Structures are given as C-alpha cells and as structure tokens.
C-alpha cells in the first residue's frame, strides 16, 4: 500500500473533535447528569487539599 493510500485510510478513521459538546455522568437510574465547569473545579480543589509532597528520606 502506498503512503498516500495509507494516509487517506487513516484520515477516514479520525473523528471530528469539534463534534464533542460536553460530557455527563450516568446515575443508578440511568439519568444523565451534565458535567459542569464548577464540578471540575470542585474536584480539582478537593484533590489539591488531599495532595501532599513525599517526605524526604534520611540519607
């Protein structure tokens, strides 16, 4: 297979990133709960609270 043919075949498998409009969680009842920017910020803040630097080992 020539390189040009391979590139054309690969291009057909690439999905359009602009088609993605959001994300959602699915609860136990199957309802979709949209993920908001606030939810992401809250999760990151919680992770920052839990993070700690590893202790230096004594040499």
C-alpha atoms as a PDB file:
ATOM      1  CA  UNK A   1       0.000   0.000   0.000  1.00  0.00           C
ATOM      2  CA  UNK A   2       1.400   3.378  -0.905  1.00  0.00           C
ATOM      3  CA  UNK A   3       1.874   6.082   1.723  1.00  0.00           C
ATOM      4  CA  UNK A   4      -0.777   8.304   0.114  1.00  0.00           C
ATOM      5  CA  UNK A   5      -3.336   5.495   0.283  1.00  0.00           C
ATOM      6  CA  UNK A   6      -2.450   4.804   3.920  1.00  0.00           C
ATOM      7  CA  UNK A   7      -2.884   8.478   4.826  1.00  0.00           C
ATOM      8  CA  UNK A   8      -6.295   8.591   3.154  1.00  0.00           C
ATOM      9  CA  UNK A   9      -7.370   5.467   5.018  1.00  0.00           C
ATOM     10  CA  UNK A  10      -6.172   6.916   8.343  1.00  0.00           C
ATOM     11  CA  UNK A  11      -7.971  10.229   7.695  1.00  0.00           C
ATOM     12  CA  UNK A  12     -11.270   8.362   7.382  1.00  0.00           C
ATOM     13  CA  UNK A  13     -10.832   6.925  10.899  1.00  0.00           C
ATOM     14  CA  UNK A  14     -10.243  10.291  12.599  1.00  0.00           C
ATOM     15  CA  UNK A  15     -13.285  11.676  14.370  1.00  0.00           C
ATOM     16  CA  UNK A  16     -14.225  15.349  14.407  1.00  0.00           C
ATOM     17  CA  UNK A  17     -13.113  16.913  17.700  1.00  0.00           C
ATOM     18  CA  UNK A  18     -15.452  19.847  17.105  1.00  0.00           C
ATOM     19  CA  UNK A  19     -18.450  17.497  17.323  1.00  0.00           C
ATOM     20  CA  UNK A  20     -17.913  16.955  21.063  1.00  0.00           C
ATOM     21  CA  UNK A  21     -20.187  19.266  23.061  1.00  0.00           C
ATOM     22  CA  UNK A  22     -19.912  18.035  26.627  1.00  0.00           C
ATOM     23  CA  UNK A  23     -19.892  15.113  28.997  1.00  0.00           C
ATOM     24  CA  UNK A  24     -22.240  13.586  31.532  1.00  0.00           C
ATOM     25  CA  UNK A  25     -22.310  11.144  34.401  1.00  0.00           C
ATOM     26  CA  UNK A  26     -24.964   8.436  34.434  1.00  0.00           C
ATOM     27  CA  UNK A  27     -26.576   7.765  37.808  1.00  0.00           C
ATOM     28  CA  UNK A  28     -28.028   4.485  39.073  1.00  0.00           C
ATOM     29  CA  UNK A  29     -31.393   5.222  37.464  1.00  0.00           C
ATOM     30  CA  UNK A  30     -29.793   5.862  34.076  1.00  0.00           C
ATOM     31  CA  UNK A  31     -30.263   9.620  34.166  1.00  0.00           C
ATOM     32  CA  UNK A  32     -27.546  11.735  32.588  1.00  0.00           C
ATOM     33  CA  UNK A  33     -26.094  14.476  34.782  1.00  0.00           C
ATOM     34  CA  UNK A  34     -24.128  17.029  32.743  1.00  0.00           C
ATOM     35  CA  UNK A  35     -20.596  17.659  33.993  1.00  0.00           C
ATOM     36  CA  UNK A  36     -20.183  21.368  34.602  1.00  0.00           C
ATOM     37  CA  UNK A  37     -17.094  23.522  34.909  1.00  0.00           C
ATOM     38  CA  UNK A  38     -17.963  24.049  38.579  1.00  0.00           C
ATOM     39  CA  UNK A  39     -17.940  20.274  39.162  1.00  0.00           C
ATOM     40  CA  UNK A  40     -14.486  20.003  37.605  1.00  0.00           C
ATOM     41  CA  UNK A  41     -13.135  22.949  39.629  1.00  0.00           C
ATOM     42  CA  UNK A  42     -14.559  21.474  42.854  1.00  0.00           C
ATOM     43  CA  UNK A  43     -12.975  18.086  42.090  1.00  0.00           C
ATOM     44  CA  UNK A  44      -9.599  19.694  41.363  1.00  0.00           C
ATOM     45  CA  UNK A  45      -9.809  21.757  44.567  1.00  0.00           C
ATOM     46  CA  UNK A  46     -10.541  18.598  46.567  1.00  0.00           C
ATOM     47  CA  UNK A  47      -7.555  16.846  45.013  1.00  0.00           C
ATOM     48  CA  UNK A  48      -5.334  19.815  45.847  1.00  0.00           C
ATOM     49  CA  UNK A  49      -6.438  19.573  49.509  1.00  0.00           C
ATOM     50  CA  UNK A  50      -5.550  15.875  49.615  1.00  0.00           C
ATOM     51  CA  UNK A  51      -2.195  16.214  47.864  1.00  0.00           C
ATOM     52  CA  UNK A  52       0.997  16.186  49.896  1.00  0.00           C
ATOM     53  CA  UNK A  53       4.614  16.113  48.839  1.00  0.00           C
ATOM     54  CA  UNK A  54       6.500  12.899  49.580  1.00  0.00           C
ATOM     55  CA  UNK A  55       8.681  13.033  52.667  1.00  0.00           C
ATOM     56  CA  UNK A  56      12.411  13.192  52.052  1.00  0.00           C
ATOM     57  CA  UNK A  57      14.113  10.023  53.243  1.00  0.00           C
ATOM     58  CA  UNK A  58      17.050  10.488  55.579  1.00  0.00           C
ATOM     59  CA  UNK A  59      20.266   9.539  53.830  1.00  0.00           C
END
